[in-house]
Protein backbone atom coordinates (compact mmCIF):
# COMPACT_ATOMS: atom_id res chain seq x y z
CA MET A 1 35.49 -1.31 -36.27
CA ASN A 2 36.98 -1.27 -32.62
CA GLY A 3 35.56 -2.58 -29.57
CA ALA A 4 33.88 0.66 -28.80
CA ASP A 5 31.96 0.85 -32.07
CA ALA A 6 31.17 -2.74 -31.88
CA ILE A 7 29.17 -1.97 -28.80
CA ILE A 8 27.09 0.68 -30.48
CA LYS A 9 26.29 -1.56 -33.01
CA CYS A 10 24.98 -3.93 -30.17
CA LEU A 11 22.90 -1.30 -28.72
CA GLU A 12 21.34 -0.23 -32.05
CA ALA A 13 20.76 -3.63 -32.89
CA GLU A 14 18.83 -3.89 -29.41
CA GLN A 15 16.98 -0.76 -30.45
CA VAL A 16 18.36 1.68 -27.91
CA THR A 17 17.35 4.83 -28.52
CA THR A 18 19.06 6.77 -25.38
CA VAL A 19 22.00 6.10 -22.79
CA PHE A 20 22.47 8.12 -19.81
CA GLY A 21 25.65 8.62 -18.41
CA TYR A 22 28.88 10.72 -17.38
CA PRO A 23 32.24 10.08 -19.04
CA GLY A 24 35.44 9.67 -17.72
CA VAL A 25 38.53 8.65 -19.62
CA ALA A 26 37.92 4.93 -19.08
CA ILE A 27 34.67 4.98 -21.10
CA CYS A 28 35.54 7.50 -23.78
CA PRO A 29 36.13 5.06 -26.41
CA PHE A 30 32.74 4.54 -25.98
CA TYR A 31 31.31 8.05 -26.00
CA ASN A 32 33.65 8.72 -29.05
CA SER A 33 31.88 5.86 -31.15
CA ILE A 34 28.36 7.09 -30.32
CA LEU A 35 28.61 10.36 -31.96
CA GLU A 36 28.43 8.27 -35.27
CA SER A 37 24.97 6.96 -33.90
CA ASP A 38 21.58 8.05 -33.69
CA ILE A 39 21.32 7.06 -30.07
CA ARG A 40 20.73 10.40 -27.82
CA THR A 41 23.06 10.47 -24.97
CA ILE A 42 21.95 12.25 -22.04
CA LEU A 43 24.61 13.88 -19.40
CA ILE A 44 23.27 13.49 -15.82
CA ARG A 45 25.07 15.26 -13.34
CA THR A 46 25.73 12.13 -10.87
CA GLU A 47 26.06 8.74 -11.94
CA GLN A 48 23.31 7.09 -9.63
CA ASN A 49 20.90 9.00 -11.34
CA ALA A 50 21.82 7.41 -14.86
CA ALA A 51 20.61 4.43 -13.10
CA HIS A 52 17.49 6.01 -11.70
CA ALA A 53 16.70 7.79 -15.09
CA ALA A 54 17.48 4.44 -17.22
CA SER A 55 15.07 2.95 -14.77
CA GLY A 56 12.09 5.27 -15.66
CA MET A 57 12.68 4.81 -19.32
CA ALA A 58 12.99 0.90 -18.93
CA ARG A 59 9.42 1.11 -16.76
CA MET A 60 7.79 3.09 -19.38
CA THR A 61 9.11 1.09 -22.43
CA GLY A 62 9.21 -2.45 -21.07
CA ARG A 63 12.85 -2.61 -22.61
CA PRO A 64 15.71 -2.55 -20.74
CA GLY A 65 17.32 0.91 -19.93
CA VAL A 66 21.17 1.81 -20.60
CA CYS A 67 23.50 3.65 -18.82
CA ALA A 68 27.13 4.06 -19.42
CA VAL A 69 29.86 5.53 -16.71
CA THR A 70 33.37 5.47 -16.42
CA SER A 71 35.73 3.32 -14.08
CA GLY A 72 36.61 3.75 -10.24
CA PRO A 73 34.16 6.55 -8.52
CA GLY A 74 32.02 6.77 -11.54
CA ALA A 75 31.40 2.83 -11.31
CA THR A 76 30.78 2.88 -7.80
CA ASN A 77 28.67 5.89 -7.83
CA VAL A 78 26.22 4.18 -9.80
CA ILE A 79 26.04 1.02 -7.58
CA THR A 80 23.20 2.62 -5.37
CA GLY A 81 21.09 3.14 -8.70
CA ILE A 82 21.97 -0.51 -9.78
CA ALA A 83 20.60 -1.74 -6.48
CA THR A 84 17.19 -0.09 -6.69
CA ALA A 85 16.80 -1.24 -9.84
CA PHE A 86 17.08 -4.93 -8.76
CA ALA A 87 15.29 -4.55 -5.75
CA ASP A 88 12.21 -3.39 -7.75
CA SER A 89 13.29 -6.04 -11.06
CA ILE A 90 13.77 -3.39 -13.30
CA PRO A 91 15.85 -4.38 -16.40
CA LEU A 92 18.86 -2.70 -17.07
CA ILE A 93 22.02 -2.68 -18.84
CA VAL A 94 25.01 -0.84 -16.85
CA ILE A 95 28.10 -0.17 -18.94
CA THR A 96 31.42 0.63 -16.82
CA GLY A 97 34.70 1.66 -18.54
CA GLN A 98 37.75 -0.03 -17.07
CA VAL A 99 41.49 0.38 -16.99
CA ASN A 100 43.47 -1.51 -19.20
CA SER A 101 43.28 -5.21 -19.00
CA GLU A 102 46.89 -5.70 -17.80
CA LEU A 103 46.65 -3.13 -15.22
CA LEU A 104 43.56 -5.20 -13.51
CA GLY A 105 44.33 -5.63 -9.69
CA SER A 106 47.20 -3.10 -9.59
CA ASP A 107 45.33 -0.68 -7.66
CA VAL A 108 46.24 1.92 -10.61
CA PHE A 109 44.31 5.32 -10.70
CA GLN A 110 40.27 5.03 -10.95
CA GLU A 111 40.47 1.08 -10.73
CA ALA A 112 37.69 -0.60 -8.86
CA ASP A 113 36.38 -4.43 -8.91
CA ILE A 114 33.18 -3.36 -9.92
CA THR A 115 32.01 -6.99 -10.82
CA GLY A 116 32.67 -7.80 -7.67
CA ALA A 117 30.94 -4.93 -5.91
CA VAL A 118 27.86 -5.33 -7.25
CA GLU A 119 27.38 -9.02 -6.98
CA SER A 120 24.71 -8.71 -4.76
CA PHE A 121 22.54 -6.47 -6.86
CA VAL A 122 22.93 -7.77 -10.13
CA LYS A 123 21.40 -10.68 -12.60
CA TYR A 124 24.29 -11.35 -13.81
CA SER A 125 27.82 -9.07 -14.86
CA TYR A 126 30.58 -9.62 -17.47
CA LEU A 127 34.18 -8.31 -17.33
CA VAL A 128 35.10 -8.06 -21.04
CA ARG A 129 38.33 -9.69 -22.19
CA ASP A 130 38.29 -9.80 -25.99
CA ALA A 131 36.80 -7.40 -27.84
CA LYS A 132 35.30 -10.31 -30.46
CA ASP A 133 32.93 -11.29 -27.50
CA ILE A 134 31.26 -8.00 -27.08
CA PRO A 135 28.56 -9.09 -29.53
CA ARG A 136 27.54 -12.52 -27.59
CA ILE A 137 27.88 -10.73 -24.32
CA PHE A 138 25.50 -7.93 -25.63
CA LYS A 139 23.14 -10.31 -26.87
CA GLU A 140 23.19 -12.12 -23.97
CA ALA A 141 22.88 -9.51 -21.26
CA PHE A 142 19.52 -7.69 -22.98
CA HIS A 143 18.46 -11.23 -23.01
CA ILE A 144 19.13 -11.97 -19.25
CA ALA A 145 18.02 -8.52 -18.18
CA ASN A 146 14.40 -8.81 -19.82
CA THR A 147 13.23 -12.15 -19.36
CA GLY A 148 12.43 -14.24 -16.19
CA ARG A 149 12.56 -12.11 -13.02
CA LYS A 150 13.97 -8.92 -15.27
CA GLY A 151 16.93 -7.22 -13.58
CA PRO A 152 20.05 -5.18 -14.06
CA VAL A 153 23.04 -6.45 -16.18
CA LEU A 154 26.49 -5.21 -16.01
CA ILE A 155 29.18 -5.11 -18.20
CA ASP A 156 32.63 -3.95 -17.42
CA VAL A 157 34.90 -3.04 -20.26
CA PRO A 158 38.97 -2.47 -20.13
CA ILE A 159 39.49 0.73 -22.09
CA ASP A 160 42.23 -1.60 -24.27
CA VAL A 161 39.22 -3.88 -25.23
CA GLN A 162 37.17 -0.69 -26.12
CA ASN A 163 40.07 0.40 -28.60
CA ALA A 164 40.74 -3.34 -29.72
CA ASN A 165 40.03 -4.09 -33.41
CA ILE A 166 37.54 -6.30 -34.87
CA ASP A 167 37.93 -7.68 -38.10
CA LYS A 168 34.20 -8.85 -38.64
CA PHE A 169 31.16 -7.75 -36.70
CA VAL A 170 28.10 -10.17 -36.34
CA TYR A 171 25.31 -10.12 -33.90
CA PRO A 172 23.83 -12.88 -32.78
CA SER A 173 20.04 -13.57 -34.28
CA GLU A 174 19.20 -15.78 -31.63
CA ILE A 175 20.41 -16.86 -28.17
CA ASN A 176 20.33 -20.39 -26.37
CA MET A 177 22.07 -20.21 -22.91
CA ARG A 178 22.27 -23.58 -21.49
CA THR A 179 22.28 -22.76 -17.82
CA TYR A 180 19.67 -20.10 -17.97
CA LYS A 181 15.81 -21.34 -19.36
CA PRO A 182 13.58 -19.30 -16.92
CA THR A 183 9.95 -20.59 -16.76
CA VAL A 184 7.36 -18.48 -18.54
CA LYS A 185 4.34 -20.91 -18.93
CA GLY A 186 2.78 -22.17 -15.82
CA ASN A 187 2.25 -25.71 -15.10
CA MET A 188 -1.27 -26.71 -16.13
CA VAL A 189 -1.81 -29.28 -13.61
CA GLN A 190 -1.14 -26.22 -10.84
CA ILE A 191 -3.29 -24.03 -12.70
CA LYS A 192 -6.28 -26.46 -12.94
CA LYS A 193 -5.61 -26.85 -8.71
CA VAL A 194 -6.15 -22.79 -8.80
CA GLU A 195 -9.21 -23.10 -10.61
CA LYS A 196 -10.78 -25.67 -8.47
CA GLU A 197 -10.03 -23.65 -5.48
CA LEU A 198 -11.45 -20.41 -6.76
CA GLU A 199 -15.02 -22.28 -7.53
CA LYS A 200 -14.69 -23.47 -3.93
CA ALA A 201 -13.73 -20.08 -2.62
CA LYS A 202 -16.26 -17.80 -0.74
CA LYS A 203 -13.88 -14.69 0.03
CA PRO A 204 -11.32 -15.02 -2.54
CA LEU A 205 -8.58 -12.60 -2.95
CA LEU A 206 -6.08 -11.16 -4.97
CA CYS A 207 -2.96 -9.35 -4.02
CA VAL A 208 -0.80 -7.97 -7.19
CA GLY A 209 2.62 -6.65 -6.94
CA GLY A 210 5.01 -5.10 -9.57
CA GLY A 211 5.59 -8.32 -11.40
CA VAL A 212 2.14 -7.72 -13.05
CA LEU A 213 3.42 -4.64 -14.68
CA LEU A 214 6.68 -5.78 -15.58
CA SER A 215 4.91 -8.61 -17.16
CA GLU A 216 2.43 -6.23 -19.06
CA ALA A 217 -0.41 -8.57 -17.45
CA GLU A 218 -2.55 -5.69 -16.24
CA GLY A 219 -5.27 -6.31 -18.79
CA GLU A 220 -5.50 -9.97 -18.12
CA ILE A 221 -5.73 -9.06 -14.34
CA ARG A 222 -8.54 -6.32 -14.75
CA GLU A 223 -10.39 -8.69 -16.78
CA PHE A 224 -10.02 -11.73 -14.36
CA SER A 225 -10.87 -9.85 -11.67
CA LYS A 226 -14.42 -8.40 -13.63
CA ARG A 227 -15.63 -12.20 -14.90
CA PHE A 228 -15.08 -13.79 -11.91
CA GLY A 229 -15.83 -10.65 -9.39
CA VAL A 230 -12.66 -11.53 -7.56
CA PRO A 231 -11.51 -8.18 -5.26
CA VAL A 232 -8.32 -7.19 -5.62
CA VAL A 233 -5.60 -5.28 -3.56
CA SER A 234 -2.02 -4.71 -4.20
CA THR A 235 1.17 -4.05 -2.69
CA MET A 236 3.08 -0.59 -3.29
CA MET A 237 4.81 -1.64 -6.29
CA GLY A 238 1.53 -2.88 -7.93
CA ILE A 239 -0.30 0.15 -7.48
CA GLY A 240 -1.52 0.94 -10.76
CA VAL A 241 -2.44 -2.70 -12.08
CA MET A 242 -6.04 -1.55 -11.28
CA PRO A 243 -7.53 1.69 -11.51
CA THR A 244 -7.68 3.52 -8.27
CA LYS A 245 -11.60 3.87 -8.56
CA ASP A 246 -12.49 0.62 -9.77
CA PRO A 247 -15.15 -1.18 -7.54
CA LEU A 248 -13.29 -4.24 -7.18
CA TYR A 249 -9.92 -2.69 -6.22
CA PHE A 250 -9.49 -1.91 -2.29
CA GLY A 251 -6.01 -0.67 -1.94
CA MET A 252 -2.73 -0.84 -1.16
CA VAL A 253 -1.76 -3.41 1.52
CA GLY A 254 1.16 -3.17 4.17
CA ASN A 255 2.52 -1.34 7.24
CA ASN A 256 1.37 2.06 5.47
CA GLY A 257 -1.61 0.56 3.55
CA LYS A 258 -5.43 0.90 3.82
CA PRO A 259 -6.78 -0.83 6.93
CA TYR A 260 -9.52 -2.50 4.88
CA ALA A 261 -7.15 -4.14 2.50
CA ASN A 262 -5.08 -5.56 5.10
CA LYS A 263 -8.17 -6.94 7.04
CA ALA A 264 -9.12 -8.40 3.47
CA ILE A 265 -5.99 -10.20 3.39
CA GLN A 266 -6.49 -11.35 7.03
CA ASP A 267 -9.87 -12.55 6.39
CA CYS A 268 -10.16 -14.22 2.93
CA ASP A 269 -10.37 -17.83 2.49
CA LEU A 270 -8.19 -18.06 -1.15
CA LEU A 271 -5.16 -15.65 -1.63
CA ILE A 272 -3.66 -15.37 -4.62
CA MET A 273 -0.39 -13.45 -4.79
CA VAL A 274 1.07 -12.56 -7.93
CA GLY A 275 4.07 -11.05 -9.01
CA ALA A 276 4.97 -10.42 -4.95
CA ARG A 277 7.69 -11.30 -3.00
CA VAL A 278 5.65 -11.51 -0.05
CA ALA A 279 8.46 -8.74 1.54
CA ASP A 280 8.03 -7.41 5.17
CA ARG A 281 6.83 -4.04 3.99
CA ALA A 282 3.54 -5.75 2.38
CA VAL A 283 3.39 -8.77 4.75
CA ASN A 284 5.10 -7.94 7.87
CA GLN A 285 3.49 -11.28 9.67
CA PRO A 286 3.54 -14.06 7.10
CA GLU A 287 1.75 -16.52 9.05
CA ILE A 288 -1.09 -14.30 8.44
CA ILE A 289 -1.59 -15.15 4.84
CA THR A 290 -1.47 -18.96 5.63
CA ARG A 291 -3.66 -19.06 8.03
CA ASN A 292 -7.10 -20.43 7.67
CA LYS A 293 -6.97 -19.98 3.62
CA VAL A 294 -5.62 -21.42 0.73
CA LEU A 295 -2.36 -19.52 -0.42
CA VAL A 296 -1.94 -19.64 -4.44
CA HIS A 297 2.04 -17.64 -5.04
CA ILE A 298 2.45 -17.16 -8.51
CA ASP A 299 5.66 -15.32 -9.46
CA VAL A 300 8.20 -16.02 -12.51
CA ASP A 301 11.30 -16.26 -9.85
CA PRO A 302 11.13 -19.65 -8.26
CA ALA A 303 13.41 -18.57 -5.45
CA GLU A 304 10.57 -16.37 -4.52
CA ILE A 305 7.70 -18.65 -3.95
CA GLY A 306 7.99 -20.24 -0.25
CA LYS A 307 10.81 -17.88 0.66
CA ASN A 308 8.90 -15.86 2.98
CA ALA A 309 5.47 -17.92 3.57
CA GLY A 310 4.88 -21.52 2.39
CA PRO A 311 2.02 -21.61 -0.04
CA THR A 312 -0.68 -24.09 -0.51
CA ILE A 313 -0.33 -23.91 -4.68
CA PRO A 314 3.21 -23.02 -5.88
CA LEU A 315 3.12 -21.53 -9.41
CA VAL A 316 6.27 -20.85 -11.53
CA GLY A 317 5.60 -18.61 -14.55
CA ASP A 318 4.97 -15.38 -16.11
CA ALA A 319 1.97 -13.25 -14.96
CA LYS A 320 0.50 -12.83 -18.29
CA HIS A 321 0.59 -16.33 -19.65
CA ILE A 322 -0.93 -17.75 -16.53
CA PHE A 323 -3.91 -15.57 -16.71
CA GLU A 324 -4.41 -16.22 -20.32
CA ASP A 325 -4.41 -19.73 -19.27
CA LEU A 326 -6.67 -18.98 -16.34
CA LEU A 327 -9.22 -16.78 -18.33
CA ALA A 328 -9.13 -19.62 -21.07
CA GLN A 329 -10.90 -22.06 -18.52
CA GLU A 330 -14.83 -22.45 -17.58
CA VAL A 331 -15.06 -21.34 -13.75
CA THR A 332 -17.66 -20.32 -11.73
CA CYS A 333 -17.31 -18.15 -8.73
CA ASP A 334 -19.62 -16.41 -6.59
CA CYS A 335 -18.70 -13.78 -4.12
CA LYS A 336 -20.96 -10.95 -4.03
CA ASP A 337 -21.31 -11.41 -0.39
CA TRP A 338 -17.67 -10.91 0.07
CA THR A 339 -17.33 -7.73 -2.21
CA LYS A 340 -20.38 -6.55 -0.64
CA GLU A 341 -18.32 -6.74 2.71
CA LEU A 342 -15.46 -5.27 1.67
CA GLY A 343 -17.15 -2.10 0.41
CA GLU A 344 -18.75 -1.66 3.81
CA TRP A 345 -15.36 -2.02 5.56
CA ARG A 346 -14.04 0.53 2.95
CA VAL A 347 -16.32 3.05 4.06
CA SER A 348 -16.41 2.23 7.76
CA MET A 349 -12.36 2.28 8.02
CA ALA A 350 -11.81 5.13 5.92
CA PRO A 351 -8.83 6.64 7.55
CA LYS A 352 -9.51 10.07 9.11
CA ARG A 353 -7.80 12.99 9.11
CA ASN A 354 -7.65 16.52 11.00
CA PRO A 355 -5.31 18.76 8.60
CA ASN A 356 -3.84 22.24 10.19
CA PRO A 357 -5.63 24.95 8.12
CA ASP A 358 -2.62 27.11 7.83
CA TYR A 359 -0.84 24.65 5.69
CA VAL A 360 -1.79 22.39 2.70
CA ASP A 361 -3.20 19.19 3.72
CA PRO A 362 -1.06 16.62 1.57
CA ALA A 363 -3.80 14.03 1.15
CA ALA A 364 -6.35 16.42 -0.20
CA PHE A 365 -3.80 18.18 -2.18
CA ILE A 366 -2.20 15.03 -3.87
CA THR A 367 -6.08 13.90 -4.54
CA MET A 368 -6.94 16.86 -6.23
CA LEU A 369 -3.65 16.66 -8.23
CA SER A 370 -4.74 13.17 -9.42
CA GLU A 371 -8.19 14.38 -10.19
CA LYS A 372 -6.85 17.05 -12.45
CA MET A 373 -4.04 15.06 -14.32
CA GLN A 374 -4.06 13.63 -17.72
CA ASP A 375 -6.20 10.47 -17.80
CA ASN A 376 -2.62 8.74 -18.98
CA GLY A 377 -0.29 10.74 -16.83
CA VAL A 378 2.95 9.37 -15.25
CA TYR A 379 3.29 10.16 -11.14
CA VAL A 380 6.66 9.75 -9.72
CA ALA A 381 6.86 9.33 -6.18
CA ASP A 382 10.09 9.80 -3.92
CA VAL A 383 10.54 8.21 -0.66
CA GLY A 384 9.65 9.35 2.56
CA GLN A 385 6.42 10.94 3.77
CA ASN A 386 5.47 11.86 0.17
CA GLN A 387 5.59 8.34 -0.54
CA ILE A 388 3.25 6.95 1.57
CA TRP A 389 0.94 9.97 0.97
CA SER A 390 1.09 9.60 -2.83
CA CYS A 391 0.52 5.71 -2.15
CA ALA A 392 -2.53 6.38 0.08
CA TYR A 393 -4.19 9.31 -2.16
CA HIS A 394 -3.28 8.96 -5.40
CA ILE A 395 -5.83 8.16 -7.84
CA VAL A 396 -4.36 6.30 -11.15
CA LYS A 397 -6.51 6.28 -14.23
CA ASN A 398 -5.03 5.02 -17.28
CA GLY A 399 -1.74 6.10 -16.25
CA ARG A 400 1.48 4.97 -14.39
CA PHE A 401 2.38 4.89 -10.78
CA MET A 402 6.09 4.93 -10.22
CA THR A 403 8.07 4.73 -7.03
CA SER A 404 11.63 2.97 -5.57
CA GLY A 405 9.28 0.27 -3.62
CA GLY A 406 12.17 -2.29 -2.84
CA MET A 407 14.94 -0.10 -1.99
CA GLY A 408 13.48 3.13 -1.23
CA THR A 409 16.14 5.25 -2.40
CA MET A 410 15.63 8.72 -1.73
CA GLY A 411 16.65 10.94 -4.81
CA TYR A 412 14.63 8.64 -7.13
CA SER A 413 11.57 10.62 -8.40
CA ILE A 414 13.49 13.38 -10.69
CA PRO A 415 15.85 11.19 -12.44
CA ALA A 416 13.49 8.39 -13.11
CA ALA A 417 10.77 11.14 -14.31
CA MET A 418 13.49 12.71 -16.78
CA GLY A 419 13.76 8.66 -18.34
CA ALA A 420 9.77 8.26 -18.29
CA LYS A 421 9.39 11.84 -19.78
CA LEU A 422 12.05 10.99 -22.75
CA ALA A 423 10.17 7.47 -23.11
CA ALA A 424 7.06 8.92 -23.40
CA PRO A 425 7.26 12.74 -24.35
CA ASP A 426 3.98 13.49 -25.05
CA ARG A 427 2.39 12.00 -21.59
CA GLN A 428 2.44 14.23 -18.41
CA VAL A 429 5.21 13.29 -16.10
CA ILE A 430 5.14 14.64 -12.45
CA ALA A 431 7.88 13.70 -9.87
CA VAL A 432 6.31 14.36 -6.61
CA CYS A 433 9.21 14.46 -3.60
CA GLY A 434 10.04 15.82 -0.45
CA ASP A 435 12.32 18.63 0.51
CA GLY A 436 14.69 16.15 1.71
CA SER A 437 14.63 13.84 -0.98
CA PHE A 438 14.43 17.15 -3.57
CA GLN A 439 18.13 17.97 -2.44
CA MET A 440 19.43 14.72 -3.17
CA SER A 441 18.66 14.97 -6.86
CA MET A 442 18.43 18.47 -7.45
CA MET A 443 21.67 18.77 -9.62
CA GLU A 444 19.37 17.08 -12.26
CA LEU A 445 17.51 20.33 -13.15
CA ALA A 446 20.68 21.21 -15.06
CA THR A 447 20.11 18.00 -17.11
CA MET A 448 16.48 19.08 -17.69
CA ARG A 449 17.61 22.04 -18.76
CA GLN A 450 20.34 21.37 -20.90
CA HIS A 451 18.53 18.59 -22.57
CA ASN A 452 15.17 19.99 -22.63
CA VAL A 453 13.15 17.45 -20.69
CA PRO A 454 9.82 19.34 -19.52
CA VAL A 455 9.42 17.51 -16.10
CA LYS A 456 6.68 18.79 -13.51
CA ILE A 457 8.22 18.82 -9.85
CA ILE A 458 6.33 19.12 -6.52
CA VAL A 459 8.25 19.60 -3.22
CA ILE A 460 6.17 18.68 -0.41
CA LYS A 461 8.15 20.59 1.93
CA ASN A 462 8.02 20.55 5.60
CA ASN A 463 11.74 21.54 6.70
CA TYR A 464 12.14 18.17 7.99
CA LEU A 465 13.10 14.25 6.81
CA GLY A 466 9.67 13.90 7.57
CA MET A 467 9.31 9.80 7.45
CA VAL A 468 12.53 9.57 10.38
CA ARG A 469 10.92 12.40 12.50
CA GLN A 470 7.81 10.47 12.03
CA TYR A 471 9.46 7.33 13.41
CA GLN A 472 11.42 9.25 16.43
CA HIS A 473 8.10 11.06 17.40
CA PHE A 474 6.56 7.62 18.09
CA THR A 475 9.62 5.78 19.19
CA TYR A 476 11.69 8.13 20.73
CA LYS A 477 9.23 10.20 22.41
CA ASP A 478 9.94 13.49 19.89
CA HIS A 479 13.55 13.28 20.76
CA TYR A 480 14.48 14.35 17.37
CA SER A 481 18.21 13.31 16.00
CA VAL A 482 19.98 14.73 12.82
CA VAL A 483 16.12 15.14 10.86
CA ASP A 484 16.32 19.34 10.68
CA LEU A 485 16.35 20.25 7.45
CA SER A 486 17.45 24.01 8.12
CA GLY A 487 19.95 25.84 5.32
CA SER A 488 17.92 23.93 3.01
CA PRO A 489 17.82 26.26 -0.28
CA ASP A 490 15.43 29.17 -1.11
CA LEU A 491 13.52 27.11 -3.97
CA GLU A 492 12.59 29.90 -5.77
CA LYS A 493 15.80 31.71 -6.24
CA LEU A 494 17.17 27.87 -7.07
CA VAL A 495 15.07 27.11 -9.85
CA SER A 496 15.45 30.62 -11.37
CA ALA A 497 19.05 29.97 -12.00
CA TYR A 498 17.83 27.00 -14.07
CA ASP A 499 15.37 29.53 -15.77
CA MET A 500 12.65 27.44 -14.55
CA LYS A 501 9.40 28.43 -13.61
CA TYR A 502 8.22 28.51 -9.79
CA LEU A 503 4.91 28.11 -7.99
CA ARG A 504 4.11 27.73 -4.36
CA LEU A 505 1.41 26.88 -2.43
CA ASP A 506 0.82 27.97 1.39
CA ASN A 507 -2.47 26.22 2.18
CA MET A 508 -5.86 24.84 0.55
CA LYS A 509 -7.51 28.09 -0.21
CA ASN A 510 -5.90 28.63 -3.73
CA ALA A 511 -4.84 25.03 -4.52
CA GLU A 512 -7.37 24.31 -7.38
CA LYS A 513 -5.85 27.87 -8.84
CA VAL A 514 -2.23 26.98 -8.48
CA LEU A 515 -2.41 23.54 -9.75
CA ASP A 516 -4.57 24.53 -12.72
CA ALA A 517 -1.35 27.00 -13.47
CA PHE A 518 1.32 24.13 -12.89
CA LEU A 519 -0.53 21.88 -15.12
CA ALA A 520 -1.45 24.03 -18.16
CA LYS A 521 1.64 23.84 -20.10
CA ASP A 522 3.81 20.81 -20.95
CA GLU A 523 6.67 22.88 -19.29
CA SER A 524 9.64 22.44 -16.69
CA ILE A 525 8.13 24.13 -13.58
CA LEU A 526 8.52 23.61 -9.66
CA LEU A 527 5.61 23.85 -7.56
CA GLU A 528 6.60 24.42 -3.80
CA VAL A 529 3.75 22.80 -1.21
CA ARG A 530 4.12 23.92 2.24
CA ILE A 531 2.87 21.57 4.84
CA ASP A 532 2.59 21.32 8.69
CA PRO A 533 6.17 19.84 9.57
CA MET A 534 4.31 17.50 12.40
CA ASP A 535 2.00 16.22 10.24
CA LEU A 536 1.82 12.45 9.89
CA VAL A 537 1.12 9.55 7.49
């Protein structure tokens, strides 16, 4: 057995089913060895999307996604995908090939110091010096990636290490890293404090972030909200923790959130933030969440607690464990008047739109799409105006809503949707993007075709980089700069080159009929949706 064989054995031991990647000479021993395995390989058309696809799979399975690329430009290309996963705490194992060990630092062909380059965007990184260390390193990497605050781990493997012989392969059955001991169970003294504040509160509010989904604590959060009658709002990454139509869910907070959700954040007397970073997009004025209220901040990462706002009660631990403990307590909470008041705000502060009837209204379209999607369908939003409309108008039933929230990486939706579909082939998966973000990953139509990944794609087309154009509209008084997407391809001709079906919707008159055709079969199909270029989110 050589080092590359050992890597495959490690992946098999971790029950990895799929590796996304792009080969090159420095990673060829790995891709040669994987031919002897049942692990499926997916050839992505550009390395960044290998990480996005692995991210989509990780978010569906709850286990680290895996991608493998070559040295030099292959490794540097994947950095944006790594940074995207890091910003949203998605567990990834990123394997990079590297030049021969004795040539490291010599600036030889396709050498890049990838462990140094990704230092800001990984939980940890390894440069493998000895093939005998491979089993230990991979065991540690999977453990680090998927425990505590989850995230990407990079393993850089020189080609000579991949080719080196290993006399005996033993994959560790357990792990004990002295310097890595993430806190999972919450401190019971702090939990008791939360209970007392909940009993005193007249206007409690629960704000959930992506950490709830990562800890698979949706059931506990829903039970907590229902049992104690506590209303819930979410950050962008927390969309889907509560079903959209749950009477106790009051929408997304933040710059592009619901006005009544933001008002609830301001007026509550007890705010329990769980699995959320208190970052600027969700809370652009941190003093608001500390003024005249008790702030409880629950997070598995102690570094996040107090970073942007000082909590009254800090509580470190995994959301699922903490809410199991909270549900085990006898607590009385009466906030019916508060919930009624929020319900009135939801009606009086509902956003008003005046759409152009000559085009598709993206708000009405996304709502209609949501209603027609399967109950457990997966909706993957890209970045830009399409993302904000999706956050505001997509209706989550028992499915998933996925997007790039922390990094805001355009081109995320199609590769992430492919990863999600490969992880859950029986579920409906739809990628929704703008015509700008579509062109950042449209090369993956080839991947979908080659590997028979039936993802549905919606391109909301306005011939602009819509979010930037909107910013320039307000900030620079319609002085537009480098946002015109003239020269974009004819989408009908483009998808026909990939033997993919095409539909087009120009206004709302035939929206229901077109959507029925779009959703009728589990197949790759692209729907082009024409919207008013001047529409605003």
